[in-house]
Amino acid sequence: MTREEMKSRTKAYANRIVKLCSALPNDWVAQTLGKQLLRSGTSVGANYRAVCRAKSTADFINKLRIVEEECDESLFWMELLVENNLVKPARLNELMKEADEILAITVASAKTARVSIRT
């Protein structure tokens, strides 16, 4: 996957997060969890753009770690939404699958970059 494809994919993920958060129930628990999800979920794409502007391999790895953390955090908030019966699991299955895939790509990219530093 090219950088441009990944930028597009993480932006599409962010847009899906925005739509989900705007459709959450209007109670304080759902809105509080939704705000956390909105921050972390949209941060995935924003921080991946920063990855693309990394100044060195070490900077690239550090920025990828931020993407990894934000993506994992967004999964956490989605899990809480489901576990607290605020969103039906079926509604989040595909979005959580996408988050898992983005997370796996990010982790693999960081591992590859770390290996390149050592050699």
C-alpha atoms as a PDB file:
ATOM      1  CA  MET A   1       0.000   0.000   0.000  1.00  0.00           C
ATOM      2  CA  THR A   2       1.395   3.386  -0.962  1.00  0.00           C
ATOM      3  CA  ARG A   3       1.523   6.375   1.350  1.00  0.00           C
ATOM      4  CA  GLU A   4      -1.188   8.082  -0.668  1.00  0.00           C
ATOM      5  CA  GLU A   5      -3.446   5.033  -0.402  1.00  0.00           C
ATOM      6  CA  MET A   6      -2.872   4.882   3.354  1.00  0.00           C
ATOM      7  CA  LYS A   7      -3.555   8.609   3.685  1.00  0.00           C
ATOM      8  CA  SER A   8      -6.814   8.104   1.824  1.00  0.00           C
ATOM      9  CA  ARG A   9      -7.711   5.068   3.914  1.00  0.00           C
ATOM     10  CA  THR A  10      -7.063   6.787   7.241  1.00  0.00           C
ATOM     11  CA  LYS A  11      -9.030   9.838   6.117  1.00  0.00           C
ATOM     12  CA  ALA A  12     -11.968   7.634   5.115  1.00  0.00           C
ATOM     13  CA  TYR A  13     -11.713   5.983   8.546  1.00  0.00           C
ATOM     14  CA  ALA A  14     -11.849   9.421  10.190  1.00  0.00           C
ATOM     15  CA  ASN A  15     -14.943  10.323   8.163  1.00  0.00           C
ATOM     16  CA  ARG A  16     -16.656   7.119   9.262  1.00  0.00           C
ATOM     17  CA  ILE A  17     -15.814   7.957  12.885  1.00  0.00           C
ATOM     18  CA  VAL A  18     -17.350  11.422  12.449  1.00  0.00           C
ATOM     19  CA  LYS A  19     -20.562   9.901  11.079  1.00  0.00           C
ATOM     20  CA  LEU A  20     -20.736   7.376  13.911  1.00  0.00           C
ATOM     21  CA  CYS A  21     -20.213  10.005  16.597  1.00  0.00           C
ATOM     22  CA  SER A  22     -22.818  12.309  15.129  1.00  0.00           C
ATOM     23  CA  ALA A  23     -25.364   9.460  15.251  1.00  0.00           C
ATOM     24  CA  LEU A  24     -24.780   8.489  18.889  1.00  0.00           C
ATOM     25  CA  PRO A  25     -27.612   8.784  21.406  1.00  0.00           C
ATOM     26  CA  ASN A  26     -27.966  12.200  22.993  1.00  0.00           C
ATOM     27  CA  ASP A  27     -27.246  11.117  26.573  1.00  0.00           C
ATOM     28  CA  TRP A  28     -24.196  12.234  28.520  1.00  0.00           C
ATOM     29  CA  VAL A  29     -22.454   8.827  28.613  1.00  0.00           C
ATOM     30  CA  ALA A  30     -22.750   8.242  24.864  1.00  0.00           C
ATOM     31  CA  GLN A  31     -21.697  11.811  24.125  1.00  0.00           C
ATOM     32  CA  THR A  32     -18.702  11.618  26.468  1.00  0.00           C
ATOM     33  CA  LEU A  33     -17.491   8.344  24.962  1.00  0.00           C
ATOM     34  CA  GLY A  34     -18.250   9.709  21.496  1.00  0.00           C
ATOM     35  CA  LYS A  35     -16.077  12.772  22.068  1.00  0.00           C
ATOM     36  CA  GLN A  36     -13.194  10.551  23.133  1.00  0.00           C
ATOM     37  CA  LEU A  37     -13.711   8.371  20.050  1.00  0.00           C
ATOM     38  CA  LEU A  38     -13.964  11.417  17.808  1.00  0.00           C
ATOM     39  CA  ARG A  39     -10.626  12.725  19.074  1.00  0.00           C
ATOM     40  CA  SER A  40      -8.725   9.461  18.792  1.00  0.00           C
ATOM     41  CA  GLY A  41     -10.391   8.218  15.603  1.00  0.00           C
ATOM     42  CA  THR A  42      -9.817  11.391  13.619  1.00  0.00           C
ATOM     43  CA  SER A  43      -6.312  11.638  15.031  1.00  0.00           C
ATOM     44  CA  VAL A  44      -5.352   8.438  13.193  1.00  0.00           C
ATOM     45  CA  GLY A  45      -5.568  10.151   9.806  1.00  0.00           C
ATOM     46  CA  ALA A  46      -4.099  13.444  10.981  1.00  0.00           C
ATOM     47  CA  ASN A  47      -1.109  11.725  12.538  1.00  0.00           C
ATOM     48  CA  TYR A  48      -0.579   9.478   9.527  1.00  0.00           C
ATOM     49  CA  ARG A  49      -0.201  12.651   7.465  1.00  0.00           C
ATOM     50  CA  ALA A  50       2.532  13.657   9.906  1.00  0.00           C
ATOM     51  CA  VAL A  51       4.181  10.254   9.346  1.00  0.00           C
ATOM     52  CA  CYS A  52       4.427  11.135   5.661  1.00  0.00           C
ATOM     53  CA  ARG A  53       6.397  14.269   6.569  1.00  0.00           C
ATOM     54  CA  ALA A  54       8.857  12.542   8.903  1.00  0.00           C
ATOM     55  CA  LYS A  55      12.381  13.979   8.826  1.00  0.00           C
ATOM     56  CA  SER A  56      14.205  10.727   9.599  1.00  0.00           C
ATOM     57  CA  THR A  57      13.595   7.047  10.151  1.00  0.00           C
ATOM     58  CA  ALA A  58      13.484   7.604  13.909  1.00  0.00           C
ATOM     59  CA  ASP A  59      10.955  10.416  13.447  1.00  0.00           C
ATOM     60  CA  PHE A  60       8.949   8.150  11.114  1.00  0.00           C
ATOM     61  CA  ILE A  61       8.846   5.393  13.754  1.00  0.00           C
ATOM     62  CA  ASN A  62       7.867   7.803  16.534  1.00  0.00           C
ATOM     63  CA  LYS A  63       5.043   9.259  14.462  1.00  0.00           C
ATOM     64  CA  LEU A  64       3.851   5.754  13.527  1.00  0.00           C
ATOM     65  CA  ARG A  65       3.710   4.913  17.237  1.00  0.00           C
ATOM     66  CA  ILE A  66       1.333   7.828  17.733  1.00  0.00           C
ATOM     67  CA  VAL A  67      -0.894   6.493  14.946  1.00  0.00           C
ATOM     68  CA  GLU A  68      -0.749   3.065  16.595  1.00  0.00           C
ATOM     69  CA  GLU A  69      -1.748   4.464  19.995  1.00  0.00           C
ATOM     70  CA  GLU A  70      -4.611   6.548  18.612  1.00  0.00           C
ATOM     71  CA  CYS A  71      -5.965   3.680  16.535  1.00  0.00           C
ATOM     72  CA  ASP A  72      -5.845   1.318  19.508  1.00  0.00           C
ATOM     73  CA  GLU A  73      -7.519   3.953  21.671  1.00  0.00           C
ATOM     74  CA  SER A  74     -10.321   4.394  19.157  1.00  0.00           C
ATOM     75  CA  LEU A  75     -10.908   0.629  19.301  1.00  0.00           C
ATOM     76  CA  PHE A  76     -11.155   0.914  23.087  1.00  0.00           C
ATOM     77  CA  TRP A  77     -13.870   3.593  22.876  1.00  0.00           C
ATOM     78  CA  MET A  78     -15.813   1.564  20.306  1.00  0.00           C
ATOM     79  CA  GLU A  79     -15.623  -1.481  22.571  1.00  0.00           C
ATOM     80  CA  LEU A  80     -17.039   0.592  25.441  1.00  0.00           C
ATOM     81  CA  LEU A  81     -19.878   1.847  23.256  1.00  0.00           C
ATOM     82  CA  VAL A  82     -20.810  -1.750  22.426  1.00  0.00           C
ATOM     83  CA  GLU A  83     -20.298  -3.157  25.924  1.00  0.00           C
ATOM     84  CA  ASN A  84     -22.532  -0.452  27.392  1.00  0.00           C
ATOM     85  CA  ASN A  85     -25.284  -1.121  24.831  1.00  0.00           C
ATOM     86  CA  LEU A  86     -24.986   2.330  23.300  1.00  0.00           C
ATOM     87  CA  VAL A  87     -24.279   0.963  19.800  1.00  0.00           C
ATOM     88  CA  LYS A  88     -25.183  -2.452  18.414  1.00  0.00           C
ATOM     89  CA  PRO A  89     -22.137  -4.624  17.689  1.00  0.00           C
ATOM     90  CA  ALA A  90     -23.246  -5.175  14.087  1.00  0.00           C
ATOM     91  CA  ARG A  91     -23.080  -1.427  13.476  1.00  0.00           C
ATOM     92  CA  LEU A  92     -19.417  -1.297  14.508  1.00  0.00           C
ATOM     93  CA  ASN A  93     -18.104  -4.610  13.144  1.00  0.00           C
ATOM     94  CA  GLU A  94     -16.801  -3.204   9.855  1.00  0.00           C
ATOM     95  CA  LEU A  95     -15.405  -0.036  11.435  1.00  0.00           C
ATOM     96  CA  MET A  96     -13.602  -2.031  14.115  1.00  0.00           C
ATOM     97  CA  LYS A  97     -12.268  -4.394  11.451  1.00  0.00           C
ATOM     98  CA  GLU A  98     -10.907  -1.383   9.557  1.00  0.00           C
ATOM     99  CA  ALA A  99      -9.288  -0.092  12.754  1.00  0.00           C
ATOM    100  CA  ASP A 100      -7.682  -3.514  13.320  1.00  0.00           C
ATOM    101  CA  GLU A 101      -6.325  -3.515   9.762  1.00  0.00           C
ATOM    102  CA  ILE A 102      -4.952   0.030  10.018  1.00  0.00           C
ATOM    103  CA  LEU A 103      -3.378  -0.913  13.340  1.00  0.00           C
ATOM    104  CA  ALA A 104      -1.775  -4.030  11.849  1.00  0.00           C
ATOM    105  CA  ILE A 105      -0.389  -2.058   8.885  1.00  0.00           C
ATOM    106  CA  THR A 106       1.006   0.585  11.237  1.00  0.00           C
ATOM    107  CA  VAL A 107       2.664  -1.957  13.530  1.00  0.00           C
ATOM    108  CA  ALA A 108       4.167  -3.817  10.562  1.00  0.00           C
ATOM    109  CA  SER A 109       5.492  -0.558   9.076  1.00  0.00           C
ATOM    110  CA  ALA A 110       7.122   0.394  12.374  1.00  0.00           C
ATOM    111  CA  LYS A 111       8.733  -3.062  12.663  1.00  0.00           C
ATOM    112  CA  THR A 112      10.072  -2.826   9.127  1.00  0.00           C
ATOM    113  CA  ALA A 113      11.477   0.639   9.798  1.00  0.00           C
ATOM    114  CA  ARG A 114      13.135  -0.528  13.042  1.00  0.00           C
ATOM    115  CA  VAL A 115      14.821  -3.373  11.163  1.00  0.00           C
ATOM    116  CA  SER A 116      16.135  -0.922   8.574  1.00  0.00           C
ATOM    117  CA  ILE A 117      17.751   1.163  11.338  1.00  0.00           C
ATOM    118  CA  ARG A 118      19.596  -1.866  12.697  1.00  0.00           C
ATOM    119  CA  THR A 119      21.061  -2.905   9.350  1.00  0.00           C
END
